[in-house]
Amino acid sequence: MRKYTPSPWEWQWKPGRLGGMDIMIYKDNRIIAEILNPSQGAELYDAHLIAAAPEMFEVLETIENDAGQVPDWLWEEIQAVVAKARGEE
């Protein structure tokens, strides 16, 4: 069972409550996250990353390693980040 808002997530600039512009990440006009009064530097990259998060999670969740094709160190990292995204860590 999914415990997150499924993709796609979008982002866009919106007039800020504190003046200037804020970045809103949303799904079907429902706000998922806000970046308030960003400096238009790293925060813009954060918006792209946040918007891509559910799709990245879905891809990582579908990776299988039945034949041992993924190196052990990478498989452990994938499993750890998926567990973190599920709130299991």
PDB file of N, CA and C in Angstrom:
ATOM      1  N   MET A   1       0.832  -1.175   0.000  1.00  0.00           N
ATOM      2  CA  MET A   1       0.000   0.000   0.000  1.00  0.00           C
ATOM      3  C   MET A   1       0.885   1.251   0.000  1.00  0.00           C
ATOM      4  N   ARG A   2       0.574   2.171  -0.875  1.00  0.00           N
ATOM      5  CA  ARG A   2       1.326   3.424  -0.947  1.00  0.00           C
ATOM      6  C   ARG A   2       0.972   4.329   0.214  1.00  0.00           C
ATOM      7  N   LYS A   3       1.999   4.962   0.764  1.00  0.00           N
ATOM      8  CA  LYS A   3       1.787   5.904   1.852  1.00  0.00           C
ATOM      9  C   LYS A   3       2.246   7.301   1.437  1.00  0.00           C
ATOM     10  N   TYR A   4       2.395   7.511   0.156  1.00  0.00           N
ATOM     11  CA  TYR A   4       2.822   8.806  -0.352  1.00  0.00           C
ATOM     12  C   TYR A   4       1.929   9.188  -1.522  1.00  0.00           C
ATOM     13  N   THR A   5       1.981  10.446  -1.887  1.00  0.00           N
ATOM     14  CA  THR A   5       1.211  10.925  -3.030  1.00  0.00           C
ATOM     15  C   THR A   5       1.910  10.469  -4.299  1.00  0.00           C
ATOM     16  N   PRO A   6       1.242   9.694  -5.155  1.00  0.00           N
ATOM     17  CA  PRO A   6       1.897   9.164  -6.345  1.00  0.00           C
ATOM     18  C   PRO A   6       2.284  10.261  -7.338  1.00  0.00           C
ATOM     19  N   SER A   7       3.220   9.920  -8.205  1.00  0.00           N
ATOM     20  CA  SER A   7       3.680  10.858  -9.224  1.00  0.00           C
ATOM     21  C   SER A   7       2.589  11.029 -10.287  1.00  0.00           C
ATOM     22  N   PRO A   8       2.711  12.020 -11.119  1.00  0.00           N
ATOM     23  CA  PRO A   8       3.792  13.004 -11.162  1.00  0.00           C
ATOM     24  C   PRO A   8       3.545  14.167 -10.216  1.00  0.00           C
ATOM     25  N   TRP A   9       4.647  14.689  -9.676  1.00  0.00           N
ATOM     26  CA  TRP A   9       4.603  15.924  -8.910  1.00  0.00           C
ATOM     27  C   TRP A   9       5.145  17.018  -9.814  1.00  0.00           C
ATOM     28  N   GLU A  10       4.627  18.189  -9.668  1.00  0.00           N
ATOM     29  CA  GLU A  10       5.063  19.335 -10.461  1.00  0.00           C
ATOM     30  C   GLU A  10       5.541  20.432  -9.521  1.00  0.00           C
ATOM     31  N   TRP A  11       6.250  21.394 -10.056  1.00  0.00           N
ATOM     32  CA  TRP A  11       6.632  22.544  -9.245  1.00  0.00           C
ATOM     33  C   TRP A  11       6.448  23.792 -10.089  1.00  0.00           C
ATOM     34  N   GLN A  12       6.257  24.913  -9.417  1.00  0.00           N
ATOM     35  CA  GLN A  12       6.204  26.188 -10.114  1.00  0.00           C
ATOM     36  C   GLN A  12       6.384  27.335  -9.135  1.00  0.00           C
ATOM     37  N   TRP A  13       6.782  28.446  -9.681  1.00  0.00           N
ATOM     38  CA  TRP A  13       6.929  29.668  -8.890  1.00  0.00           C
ATOM     39  C   TRP A  13       5.549  30.228  -8.592  1.00  0.00           C
ATOM     40  N   LYS A  14       5.363  30.708  -7.370  1.00  0.00           N
ATOM     41  CA  LYS A  14       4.115  31.364  -6.959  1.00  0.00           C
ATOM     42  C   LYS A  14       4.475  32.617  -6.176  1.00  0.00           C
ATOM     43  N   PRO A  15       3.627  33.645  -6.220  1.00  0.00           N
ATOM     44  CA  PRO A  15       3.881  34.816  -5.383  1.00  0.00           C
ATOM     45  C   PRO A  15       3.974  34.395  -3.923  1.00  0.00           C
ATOM     46  N   GLY A  16       4.995  34.869  -3.249  1.00  0.00           N
ATOM     47  CA  GLY A  16       5.250  34.454  -1.876  1.00  0.00           C
ATOM     48  C   GLY A  16       4.422  35.180  -0.845  1.00  0.00           C
ATOM     49  N   ARG A  17       4.149  34.497   0.243  1.00  0.00           N
ATOM     50  CA  ARG A  17       3.423  35.104   1.359  1.00  0.00           C
ATOM     51  C   ARG A  17       4.289  36.118   2.094  1.00  0.00           C
ATOM     52  N   LEU A  18       5.600  35.950   1.990  1.00  0.00           N
ATOM     53  CA  LEU A  18       6.535  36.851   2.669  1.00  0.00           C
ATOM     54  C   LEU A  18       7.153  37.842   1.686  1.00  0.00           C
ATOM     55  N   GLY A  19       6.529  37.991   0.538  1.00  0.00           N
ATOM     56  CA  GLY A  19       7.106  38.826  -0.512  1.00  0.00           C
ATOM     57  C   GLY A  19       7.972  37.966  -1.419  1.00  0.00           C
ATOM     58  N   GLY A  20       8.301  38.456  -2.565  1.00  0.00           N
ATOM     59  CA  GLY A  20       9.100  37.681  -3.502  1.00  0.00           C
ATOM     60  C   GLY A  20       8.312  36.511  -4.059  1.00  0.00           C
ATOM     61  N   MET A  21       9.036  35.472  -4.433  1.00  0.00           N
ATOM     62  CA  MET A  21       8.415  34.298  -5.030  1.00  0.00           C
ATOM     63  C   MET A  21       8.774  33.058  -4.219  1.00  0.00           C
ATOM     64  N   ASP A  22       7.827  32.144  -4.075  1.00  0.00           N
ATOM     65  CA  ASP A  22       8.044  30.853  -3.429  1.00  0.00           C
ATOM     66  C   ASP A  22       7.970  29.768  -4.499  1.00  0.00           C
ATOM     67  N   ILE A  23       8.517  28.611  -4.189  1.00  0.00           N
ATOM     68  CA  ILE A  23       8.395  27.454  -5.070  1.00  0.00           C
ATOM     69  C   ILE A  23       7.397  26.505  -4.415  1.00  0.00           C
ATOM     70  N   MET A  24       6.382  26.114  -5.183  1.00  0.00           N
ATOM     71  CA  MET A  24       5.381  25.173  -4.691  1.00  0.00           C
ATOM     72  C   MET A  24       5.533  23.854  -5.448  1.00  0.00           C
ATOM     73  N   ILE A  25       5.553  22.763  -4.715  1.00  0.00           N
ATOM     74  CA  ILE A  25       5.553  21.433  -5.311  1.00  0.00           C
ATOM     75  C   ILE A  25       4.158  20.885  -5.059  1.00  0.00           C
ATOM     76  N   TYR A  26       3.502  20.423  -6.119  1.00  0.00           N
ATOM     77  CA  TYR A  26       2.109  20.028  -5.963  1.00  0.00           C
ATOM     78  C   TYR A  26       1.752  18.855  -6.866  1.00  0.00           C
ATOM     79  N   LYS A  27       0.624  18.254  -6.541  1.00  0.00           N
ATOM     80  CA  LYS A  27       0.032  17.168  -7.327  1.00  0.00           C
ATOM     81  C   LYS A  27      -1.451  17.490  -7.458  1.00  0.00           C
ATOM     82  N   ASP A  28      -1.935  17.615  -8.671  1.00  0.00           N
ATOM     83  CA  ASP A  28      -3.358  17.911  -8.907  1.00  0.00           C
ATOM     84  C   ASP A  28      -3.836  19.101  -8.075  1.00  0.00           C
ATOM     85  N   ASN A  29      -3.079  20.179  -8.117  1.00  0.00           N
ATOM     86  CA  ASN A  29      -3.402  21.424  -7.415  1.00  0.00           C
ATOM     87  C   ASN A  29      -3.397  21.295  -5.893  1.00  0.00           C
ATOM     88  N   ARG A  30      -2.863  20.210  -5.357  1.00  0.00           N
ATOM     89  CA  ARG A  30      -2.722  20.037  -3.909  1.00  0.00           C
ATOM     90  C   ARG A  30      -1.247  20.212  -3.549  1.00  0.00           C
ATOM     91  N   ILE A  31      -0.959  21.097  -2.621  1.00  0.00           N
ATOM     92  CA  ILE A  31       0.432  21.388  -2.269  1.00  0.00           C
ATOM     93  C   ILE A  31       1.041  20.215  -1.512  1.00  0.00           C
ATOM     94  N   ILE A  32       2.190  19.756  -1.994  1.00  0.00           N
ATOM     95  CA  ILE A  32       2.956  18.686  -1.367  1.00  0.00           C
ATOM     96  C   ILE A  32       4.026  19.298  -0.465  1.00  0.00           C
ATOM     97  N   ALA A  33       4.685  20.348  -0.980  1.00  0.00           N
ATOM     98  CA  ALA A  33       5.774  20.999  -0.243  1.00  0.00           C
ATOM     99  C   ALA A  33       5.923  22.425  -0.748  1.00  0.00           C
ATOM    100  N   GLU A  34       6.557  23.250   0.075  1.00  0.00           N
ATOM    101  CA  GLU A  34       6.833  24.634  -0.302  1.00  0.00           C
ATOM    102  C   GLU A  34       8.283  24.960   0.025  1.00  0.00           C
ATOM    103  N   ILE A  35       8.894  25.753  -0.815  1.00  0.00           N
ATOM    104  CA  ILE A  35      10.201  26.318  -0.525  1.00  0.00           C
ATOM    105  C   ILE A  35       9.961  27.820  -0.457  1.00  0.00           C
ATOM    106  N   LEU A  36       9.990  28.350   0.750  1.00  0.00           N
ATOM    107  CA  LEU A  36       9.624  29.744   0.958  1.00  0.00           C
ATOM    108  C   LEU A  36      10.794  30.674   0.694  1.00  0.00           C
ATOM    109  N   ASN A  37      10.514  31.708  -0.092  1.00  0.00           N
ATOM    110  CA  ASN A  37      11.462  32.771  -0.365  1.00  0.00           C
ATOM    111  C   ASN A  37      12.848  32.251  -0.756  1.00  0.00           C
ATOM    112  N   PRO A  38      12.934  31.394  -1.768  1.00  0.00           N
ATOM    113  CA  PRO A  38      14.229  30.812  -2.152  1.00  0.00           C
ATOM    114  C   PRO A  38      15.146  31.867  -2.757  1.00  0.00           C
ATOM    115  N   SER A  39      16.426  31.555  -2.727  1.00  0.00           N
ATOM    116  CA  SER A  39      17.410  32.462  -3.303  1.00  0.00           C
ATOM    117  C   SER A  39      17.585  32.212  -4.798  1.00  0.00           C
ATOM    118  N   GLN A  40      16.851  31.260  -5.350  1.00  0.00           N
ATOM    119  CA  GLN A  40      16.907  30.856  -6.752  1.00  0.00           C
ATOM    120  C   GLN A  40      18.234  30.163  -7.087  1.00  0.00           C
ATOM    121  N   GLY A  41      18.904  29.673  -6.066  1.00  0.00           N
ATOM    122  CA  GLY A  41      20.141  28.926  -6.254  1.00  0.00           C
ATOM    123  C   GLY A  41      19.870  27.456  -6.073  1.00  0.00           C
ATOM    124  N   ALA A  42      20.383  26.902  -4.974  1.00  0.00           N
ATOM    125  CA  ALA A  42      20.223  25.474  -4.699  1.00  0.00           C
ATOM    126  C   ALA A  42      18.761  25.096  -4.556  1.00  0.00           C
ATOM    127  N   GLU A  43      17.931  26.019  -4.078  1.00  0.00           N
ATOM    128  CA  GLU A  43      16.528  25.697  -3.867  1.00  0.00           C
ATOM    129  C   GLU A  43      15.825  25.296  -5.154  1.00  0.00           C
ATOM    130  N   LEU A  44      16.232  25.852  -6.278  1.00  0.00           N
ATOM    131  CA  LEU A  44      15.629  25.477  -7.559  1.00  0.00           C
ATOM    132  C   LEU A  44      15.962  24.025  -7.893  1.00  0.00           C
ATOM    133  N   TYR A  45      17.198  23.617  -7.609  1.00  0.00           N
ATOM    134  CA  TYR A  45      17.561  22.213  -7.804  1.00  0.00           C
ATOM    135  C   TYR A  45      16.794  21.329  -6.822  1.00  0.00           C
ATOM    136  N   ASP A  46      16.592  21.832  -5.591  1.00  0.00           N
ATOM    137  CA  ASP A  46      15.803  21.084  -4.611  1.00  0.00           C
ATOM    138  C   ASP A  46      14.392  20.849  -5.137  1.00  0.00           C
ATOM    139  N   ALA A  47      13.805  21.851  -5.776  1.00  0.00           N
ATOM    140  CA  ALA A  47      12.448  21.710  -6.319  1.00  0.00           C
ATOM    141  C   ALA A  47      12.396  20.608  -7.368  1.00  0.00           C
ATOM    142  N   HIS A  48      13.387  20.563  -8.231  1.00  0.00           N
ATOM    143  CA  HIS A  48      13.442  19.493  -9.243  1.00  0.00           C
ATOM    144  C   HIS A  48      13.576  18.126  -8.569  1.00  0.00           C
ATOM    145  N   LEU A  49      14.438  18.045  -7.551  1.00  0.00           N
ATOM    146  CA  LEU A  49      14.655  16.788  -6.842  1.00  0.00           C
ATOM    147  C   LEU A  49      13.395  16.329  -6.120  1.00  0.00           C
ATOM    148  N   ILE A  50      12.736  17.252  -5.425  1.00  0.00           N
ATOM    149  CA  ILE A  50      11.506  16.909  -4.715  1.00  0.00           C
ATOM    150  C   ILE A  50      10.436  16.430  -5.696  1.00  0.00           C
ATOM    151  N   ALA A  51      10.296  17.130  -6.820  1.00  0.00           N
ATOM    152  CA  ALA A  51       9.278  16.755  -7.809  1.00  0.00           C
ATOM    153  C   ALA A  51       9.552  15.378  -8.411  1.00  0.00           C
ATOM    154  N   ALA A  52      10.831  15.000  -8.522  1.00  0.00           N
ATOM    155  CA  ALA A  52      11.194  13.698  -9.106  1.00  0.00           C
ATOM    156  C   ALA A  52      11.174  12.565  -8.080  1.00  0.00           C
ATOM    157  N   ALA A  53      11.080  12.883  -6.790  1.00  0.00           N
ATOM    158  CA  ALA A  53      11.211  11.880  -5.729  1.00  0.00           C
ATOM    159  C   ALA A  53      10.277  10.678  -5.868  1.00  0.00           C
ATOM    160  N   PRO A  54       8.977  10.871  -6.121  1.00  0.00           N
ATOM    161  CA  PRO A  54       8.127   9.669  -6.180  1.00  0.00           C
ATOM    162  C   PRO A  54       8.476   8.758  -7.349  1.00  0.00           C
ATOM    163  N   GLU A  55       8.907   9.332  -8.455  1.00  0.00           N
ATOM    164  CA  GLU A  55       9.284   8.495  -9.604  1.00  0.00           C
ATOM    165  C   GLU A  55      10.582   7.747  -9.321  1.00  0.00           C
ATOM    166  N   MET A  56      11.537   8.415  -8.668  1.00  0.00           N
ATOM    167  CA  MET A  56      12.785   7.739  -8.310  1.00  0.00           C
ATOM    168  C   MET A  56      12.502   6.595  -7.340  1.00  0.00           C
ATOM    169  N   PHE A  57      11.624   6.847  -6.366  1.00  0.00           N
ATOM    170  CA  PHE A  57      11.254   5.818  -5.398  1.00  0.00           C
ATOM    171  C   PHE A  57      10.633   4.617  -6.104  1.00  0.00           C
ATOM    172  N   GLU A  58       9.710   4.883  -7.027  1.00  0.00           N
ATOM    173  CA  GLU A  58       9.051   3.791  -7.755  1.00  0.00           C
ATOM    174  C   GLU A  58      10.061   2.959  -8.535  1.00  0.00           C
ATOM    175  N   VAL A  59      11.044   3.618  -9.153  1.00  0.00           N
ATOM    176  CA  VAL A  59      12.074   2.889  -9.912  1.00  0.00           C
ATOM    177  C   VAL A  59      12.920   2.049  -8.964  1.00  0.00           C
ATOM    178  N   LEU A  60      13.381   2.640  -7.873  1.00  0.00           N
ATOM    179  CA  LEU A  60      14.216   1.900  -6.927  1.00  0.00           C
ATOM    180  C   LEU A  60      13.475   0.713  -6.323  1.00  0.00           C
ATOM    181  N   GLU A  61      12.186   0.891  -6.073  1.00  0.00           N
ATOM    182  CA  GLU A  61      11.391  -0.182  -5.492  1.00  0.00           C
ATOM    183  C   GLU A  61      11.236  -1.373  -6.438  1.00  0.00           C
ATOM    184  N   THR A  62      11.307  -1.122  -7.743  1.00  0.00           N
ATOM    185  CA  THR A  62      11.096  -2.202  -8.710  1.00  0.00           C
ATOM    186  C   THR A  62      12.368  -2.967  -9.058  1.00  0.00           C
ATOM    187  N   ILE A  63      13.527  -2.465  -8.626  1.00  0.00           N
ATOM    188  CA  ILE A  63      14.778  -3.156  -8.949  1.00  0.00           C
ATOM    189  C   ILE A  63      14.812  -4.485  -8.204  1.00  0.00           C
ATOM    190  N   GLU A  64      15.134  -5.530  -8.933  1.00  0.00           N
ATOM    191  CA  GLU A  64      15.284  -6.854  -8.344  1.00  0.00           C
ATOM    192  C   GLU A  64      16.721  -7.307  -8.541  1.00  0.00           C
ATOM    193  N   ASN A  65      17.174  -8.130  -7.662  1.00  0.00           N
ATOM    194  CA  ASN A  65      18.557  -8.596  -7.732  1.00  0.00           C
ATOM    195  C   ASN A  65      18.611 -10.118  -7.644  1.00  0.00           C
ATOM    196  N   ASP A  66      17.644 -10.772  -8.269  1.00  0.00           N
ATOM    197  CA  ASP A  66      17.564 -12.225  -8.199  1.00  0.00           C
ATOM    198  C   ASP A  66      18.814 -12.920  -8.723  1.00  0.00           C
ATOM    199  N   ALA A  67      19.383 -12.401  -9.792  1.00  0.00           N
ATOM    200  CA  ALA A  67      20.543 -13.040 -10.400  1.00  0.00           C
ATOM    201  C   ALA A  67      21.851 -12.451  -9.882  1.00  0.00           C
ATOM    202  N   GLY A  68      21.780 -11.580  -8.889  1.00  0.00           N
ATOM    203  CA  GLY A  68      22.992 -10.987  -8.332  1.00  0.00           C
ATOM    204  C   GLY A  68      23.675 -10.028  -9.285  1.00  0.00           C
ATOM    205  N   GLN A  69      22.910  -9.426 -10.181  1.00  0.00           N
ATOM    206  CA  GLN A  69      23.498  -8.517 -11.181  1.00  0.00           C
ATOM    207  C   GLN A  69      23.916  -7.179 -10.596  1.00  0.00           C
ATOM    208  N   VAL A  70      23.308  -6.795  -9.482  1.00  0.00           N
ATOM    209  CA  VAL A  70      23.654  -5.539  -8.834  1.00  0.00           C
ATOM    210  C   VAL A  70      24.723  -5.833  -7.787  1.00  0.00           C
ATOM    211  N   PRO A  71      25.839  -5.095  -7.816  1.00  0.00           N
ATOM    212  CA  PRO A  71      26.890  -5.343  -6.815  1.00  0.00           C
ATOM    213  C   PRO A  71      26.319  -5.228  -5.402  1.00  0.00           C
ATOM    214  N   ASP A  72      26.849  -6.045  -4.484  1.00  0.00           N
ATOM    215  CA  ASP A  72      26.333  -6.085  -3.114  1.00  0.00           C
ATOM    216  C   ASP A  72      26.297  -4.716  -2.458  1.00  0.00           C
ATOM    217  N   TRP A  73      27.361  -3.922  -2.608  1.00  0.00           N
ATOM    218  CA  TRP A  73      27.411  -2.612  -1.958  1.00  0.00           C
ATOM    219  C   TRP A  73      26.301  -1.706  -2.468  1.00  0.00           C
ATOM    220  N   LEU A  74      26.007  -1.784  -3.790  1.00  0.00           N
ATOM    221  CA  LEU A  74      24.962  -0.949  -4.370  1.00  0.00           C
ATOM    222  C   LEU A  74      23.583  -1.454  -3.959  1.00  0.00           C
ATOM    223  N   TRP A  75      23.410  -2.761  -3.924  1.00  0.00           N
ATOM    224  CA  TRP A  75      22.135  -3.352  -3.505  1.00  0.00           C
ATOM    225  C   TRP A  75      21.799  -2.931  -2.073  1.00  0.00           C
ATOM    226  N   GLU A  76      22.792  -2.936  -1.196  1.00  0.00           N
ATOM    227  CA  GLU A  76      22.583  -2.518   0.192  1.00  0.00           C
ATOM    228  C   GLU A  76      22.182  -1.046   0.264  1.00  0.00           C
ATOM    229  N   GLU A  77      22.808  -0.209  -0.542  1.00  0.00           N
ATOM    230  CA  GLU A  77      22.451   1.216  -0.563  1.00  0.00           C
ATOM    231  C   GLU A  77      21.032   1.424  -1.085  1.00  0.00           C
ATOM    232  N   ILE A  78      20.663   0.692  -2.120  1.00  0.00           N
ATOM    233  CA  ILE A  78      19.300   0.794  -2.674  1.00  0.00           C
ATOM    234  C   ILE A  78      18.288   0.380  -1.610  1.00  0.00           C
ATOM    235  N   GLN A  79      18.535  -0.736  -0.946  1.00  0.00           N
ATOM    236  CA  GLN A  79      17.608  -1.207   0.080  1.00  0.00           C
ATOM    237  C   GLN A  79      17.503  -0.217   1.243  1.00  0.00           C
ATOM    238  N   ALA A  80      18.618   0.409   1.614  1.00  0.00           N
ATOM    239  CA  ALA A  80      18.609   1.376   2.716  1.00  0.00           C
ATOM    240  C   ALA A  80      17.807   2.621   2.356  1.00  0.00           C
ATOM    241  N   VAL A  81      17.979   3.125   1.145  1.00  0.00           N
ATOM    242  CA  VAL A  81      17.262   4.345   0.766  1.00  0.00           C
ATOM    243  C   VAL A  81      15.772   4.064   0.559  1.00  0.00           C
ATOM    244  N   VAL A  82      15.415   2.893   0.076  1.00  0.00           N
ATOM    245  CA  VAL A  82      14.000   2.522  -0.057  1.00  0.00           C
ATOM    246  C   VAL A  82      13.372   2.398   1.330  1.00  0.00           C
ATOM    247  N   ALA A  83      14.082   1.785   2.269  1.00  0.00           N
ATOM    248  CA  ALA A  83      13.570   1.670   3.643  1.00  0.00           C
ATOM    249  C   ALA A  83      13.400   3.059   4.263  1.00  0.00           C
ATOM    250  N   LYS A  84      14.337   3.951   4.014  1.00  0.00           N
ATOM    251  CA  LYS A  84      14.237   5.314   4.531  1.00  0.00           C
ATOM    252  C   LYS A  84      13.008   6.019   3.949  1.00  0.00           C
ATOM    253  N   ALA A  85      12.770   5.856   2.644  1.00  0.00           N
ATOM    254  CA  ALA A  85      11.617   6.486   1.997  1.00  0.00           C
ATOM    255  C   ALA A  85      10.303   5.916   2.537  1.00  0.00           C
ATOM    256  N   ARG A  86      10.316   4.665   2.940  1.00  0.00           N
ATOM    257  CA  ARG A  86       9.102   4.048   3.511  1.00  0.00           C
ATOM    258  C   ARG A  86       8.907   4.412   4.979  1.00  0.00           C
ATOM    259  N   GLY A  87       9.885   5.077   5.562  1.00  0.00           N
ATOM    260  CA  GLY A  87       9.801   5.423   6.984  1.00  0.00           C
ATOM    261  C   GLY A  87      10.194   4.283   7.897  1.00  0.00           C
ATOM    262  N   GLU A  88      10.904   3.300   7.360  1.00  0.00           N
ATOM    263  CA  GLU A  88      11.285   2.118   8.130  1.00  0.00           C
ATOM    264  C   GLU A  88      12.627   2.297   8.823  1.00  0.00           C
ATOM    265  N   GLU A  89      13.341   3.333   8.497  1.00  0.00           N
ATOM    266  CA  GLU A  89      14.671   3.545   9.069  1.00  0.00           C
ATOM    267  C   GLU A  89      14.600   4.468  10.242  1.00  0.00           C
TER     268      GLU A  89
END
